[in-house]
Amino acid sequence: MPARIALAVVVAVLAGVWTSLSIMWGWVTFAAFVSWACFFAAGGGGKGLQTTLITNFSGVVWGFLIIQFSNVITSSAGLESTVALGVALGIVAGVMCLVSKAAILSYVPGVFLGTATYFGTGLNFTGSAVGLIVGALLGYVSAKGSELLTAKPKVQAESNRNVAGQP
């Protein structure tokens, strides 16, 4: 089976199952699709899985810290909450970029997508984290599943070489 078709089949099945289960269980459906995309954008494989899990989760933590920081600014500086949130987010977003010097946090899009997911869930830390973890795992499983569907059995590959006159 061609690789693109294999990936399409595996993704279709997993996406359908995830969507149904996440809705039934009350989980954050879209969060998984965010990290699933991150997995492939980060290069896939074990490295893409690790990068996605770490950067997406750190983004959720950064989002939480932004809210806490904005609350401190609101109460101490007397700014309106929307202005305080803008100030806190601006400062922390800059820090998020600066800490990307550390190799483990160098995939800045993953960090920002984790933060965006936290905000998109209405500040649901657990829902964001669970959805992002599941999505990264779905990315890994979909890549491995498509590899299995495209792999030629060893016997067939050897017989193809012999037919072509190759050793």
Protein backbone atom coordinates (compact mmCIF):
# COMPACT_ATOMS: atom_id res chain seq x y z
CA MET A 1 0.00 0.00 0.00
CA PRO A 2 1.39 3.45 -0.83
CA ALA A 3 2.59 5.40 2.21
CA ARG A 4 0.18 8.31 1.78
CA ILE A 5 -2.83 5.99 1.55
CA ALA A 6 -1.63 3.97 4.55
CA LEU A 7 -1.25 7.12 6.62
CA ALA A 8 -4.66 8.36 5.48
CA VAL A 9 -6.33 5.10 6.51
CA VAL A 10 -4.66 4.97 9.92
CA VAL A 11 -5.30 8.65 10.65
CA ALA A 12 -8.94 8.35 9.56
CA VAL A 13 -9.57 5.44 11.89
CA LEU A 14 -7.71 6.95 14.85
CA ALA A 15 -9.27 10.40 14.39
CA GLY A 16 -12.76 8.93 14.27
CA VAL A 17 -12.20 6.78 17.34
CA TRP A 18 -10.56 9.64 19.27
CA THR A 19 -13.32 12.08 18.44
CA SER A 20 -16.07 9.69 19.53
CA LEU A 21 -14.34 8.64 22.73
CA SER A 22 -13.23 12.13 23.72
CA ILE A 23 -16.76 13.47 23.32
CA MET A 24 -18.24 10.53 25.26
CA TRP A 25 -15.69 10.98 28.06
CA GLY A 26 -15.88 14.77 28.11
CA TRP A 27 -12.26 15.26 27.09
CA VAL A 28 -10.91 18.17 25.05
CA THR A 29 -11.16 16.84 21.50
CA PHE A 30 -9.33 19.62 19.67
CA ALA A 31 -6.26 19.49 21.94
CA ALA A 32 -5.27 16.12 20.54
CA PHE A 33 -5.42 17.41 16.99
CA VAL A 34 -3.11 20.29 17.95
CA SER A 35 -0.42 18.00 19.32
CA TRP A 36 -0.99 15.40 16.61
CA ALA A 37 -0.04 18.06 14.07
CA CYS A 38 2.87 19.14 16.29
CA PHE A 39 4.18 15.57 16.27
CA PHE A 40 4.47 15.52 12.49
CA ALA A 41 5.73 19.11 12.29
CA ALA A 42 8.43 18.24 14.83
CA GLY A 43 9.71 15.50 12.54
CA GLY A 44 7.78 12.48 13.81
CA GLY A 45 9.31 9.36 15.29
CA GLY A 46 10.58 9.07 18.83
CA LYS A 47 12.24 12.47 18.70
CA GLY A 48 9.05 14.17 17.45
CA LEU A 49 7.07 12.46 20.20
CA GLN A 50 9.49 13.61 22.89
CA THR A 51 9.66 17.14 21.49
CA THR A 52 5.88 17.41 21.24
CA LEU A 53 5.19 16.06 24.73
CA ILE A 54 7.75 18.32 26.40
CA THR A 55 7.06 21.53 24.50
CA ASN A 56 3.26 21.22 24.49
CA PHE A 57 3.16 20.49 28.21
CA SER A 58 5.56 23.34 28.96
CA GLY A 59 3.21 25.58 26.99
CA VAL A 60 0.32 24.60 29.24
CA VAL A 61 2.46 25.44 32.26
CA TRP A 62 3.44 28.79 30.69
CA GLY A 63 -0.24 29.53 30.09
CA PHE A 64 -1.01 28.84 33.73
CA LEU A 65 1.87 31.09 34.80
CA ILE A 66 0.66 33.87 32.51
CA ILE A 67 -2.72 33.85 34.27
CA GLN A 68 -1.10 33.85 37.71
CA PHE A 69 1.23 36.70 36.71
CA SER A 70 -1.65 38.72 35.29
CA ASN A 71 -3.55 38.29 38.57
CA VAL A 72 -0.55 39.62 40.47
CA ILE A 73 -0.28 42.59 38.10
CA THR A 74 -4.01 43.31 38.44
CA SER A 75 -3.94 43.27 42.23
CA SER A 76 -0.59 45.02 42.75
CA ALA A 77 -0.61 47.58 39.94
CA GLY A 78 -4.34 48.17 39.85
CA LEU A 79 -4.54 47.60 36.10
CA GLU A 80 -7.69 46.26 34.49
CA SER A 81 -7.50 42.51 34.08
CA THR A 82 -7.43 42.67 30.27
CA VAL A 83 -4.50 45.10 30.31
CA ALA A 84 -2.72 43.03 32.96
CA LEU A 85 -3.24 39.90 30.90
CA GLY A 86 -1.73 41.60 27.86
CA VAL A 87 1.29 42.75 29.85
CA ALA A 88 1.78 39.33 31.47
CA LEU A 89 1.37 37.51 28.20
CA GLY A 90 3.80 39.80 26.41
CA ILE A 91 6.47 39.37 29.05
CA VAL A 92 6.05 35.63 29.38
CA ALA A 93 5.91 35.10 25.59
CA GLY A 94 9.29 36.78 25.39
CA VAL A 95 10.61 34.49 28.13
CA MET A 96 9.17 31.48 26.27
CA CYS A 97 11.29 32.47 23.28
CA LEU A 98 14.40 33.10 25.37
CA VAL A 99 14.28 29.70 27.09
CA SER A 100 14.22 28.04 23.67
CA LYS A 101 18.01 28.21 23.90
CA ALA A 102 17.66 25.04 25.97
CA ALA A 103 17.51 22.19 23.46
CA ILE A 104 14.59 20.53 25.22
CA LEU A 105 12.44 23.68 24.71
CA SER A 106 13.82 24.72 21.33
CA TYR A 107 10.67 23.80 19.39
CA VAL A 108 8.94 27.14 20.02
CA PRO A 109 5.81 26.35 17.96
CA GLY A 110 5.11 23.40 20.28
CA VAL A 111 5.40 25.66 23.32
CA PHE A 112 3.10 28.29 21.84
CA LEU A 113 0.57 25.67 20.72
CA GLY A 114 0.48 24.24 24.23
CA THR A 115 -0.19 27.73 25.61
CA ALA A 116 -2.85 28.39 22.98
CA THR A 117 -4.53 25.10 23.86
CA TYR A 118 -4.62 26.07 27.53
CA PHE A 119 -6.30 29.36 26.66
CA GLY A 120 -8.57 27.66 24.12
CA THR A 121 -9.89 25.28 26.76
CA GLY A 122 -10.88 28.15 29.01
CA LEU A 123 -7.86 27.58 31.30
CA ASN A 124 -8.50 23.86 31.78
CA PHE A 125 -5.03 22.64 32.80
CA THR A 126 -5.86 18.93 33.07
CA GLY A 127 -8.02 18.86 29.95
CA SER A 128 -5.31 20.60 27.96
CA ALA A 129 -2.54 18.35 29.22
CA VAL A 130 -4.48 15.13 28.70
CA GLY A 131 -5.63 16.11 25.21
CA LEU A 132 -2.13 17.16 24.17
CA ILE A 133 -0.57 13.96 25.51
CA VAL A 134 -3.16 11.79 23.75
CA GLY A 135 -2.64 13.67 20.49
CA ALA A 136 1.12 13.21 20.57
CA LEU A 137 0.60 9.50 21.17
CA LEU A 138 -1.94 9.34 18.34
CA GLY A 139 0.63 10.94 16.07
CA TYR A 140 3.20 8.32 17.01
CA VAL A 141 0.71 5.44 16.61
CA SER A 142 -0.49 6.77 13.25
CA ALA A 143 3.08 6.99 11.96
CA LYS A 144 3.93 3.48 13.17
CA GLY A 145 0.64 2.09 11.87
CA SER A 146 1.22 3.51 8.42
CA GLU A 147 4.73 2.05 8.43
CA LEU A 148 3.27 -1.37 9.15
CA LEU A 149 0.81 -1.05 6.27
CA THR A 150 3.53 0.00 3.83
CA ALA A 151 6.21 -2.48 4.90
CA LYS A 152 6.84 -5.25 2.43
CA PRO A 153 7.16 -8.68 3.97
CA LYS A 154 10.81 -9.72 4.02
CA VAL A 155 10.16 -12.83 1.92
CA GLN A 156 8.38 -10.78 -0.75
CA ALA A 157 11.15 -8.16 -0.84
CA GLU A 158 13.78 -10.91 -1.25
CA SER A 159 11.83 -12.63 -4.01
CA ASN A 160 11.41 -9.28 -5.82
CA ARG A 161 15.20 -8.80 -5.77
CA ASN A 162 15.80 -12.33 -7.09
CA VAL A 163 13.34 -11.80 -9.93
CA ALA A 164 15.10 -8.58 -10.86
CA GLY A 165 18.39 -10.50 -10.95
CA GLN A 166 19.85 -8.80 -7.91
CA PRO A 167 21.76 -10.72 -5.24
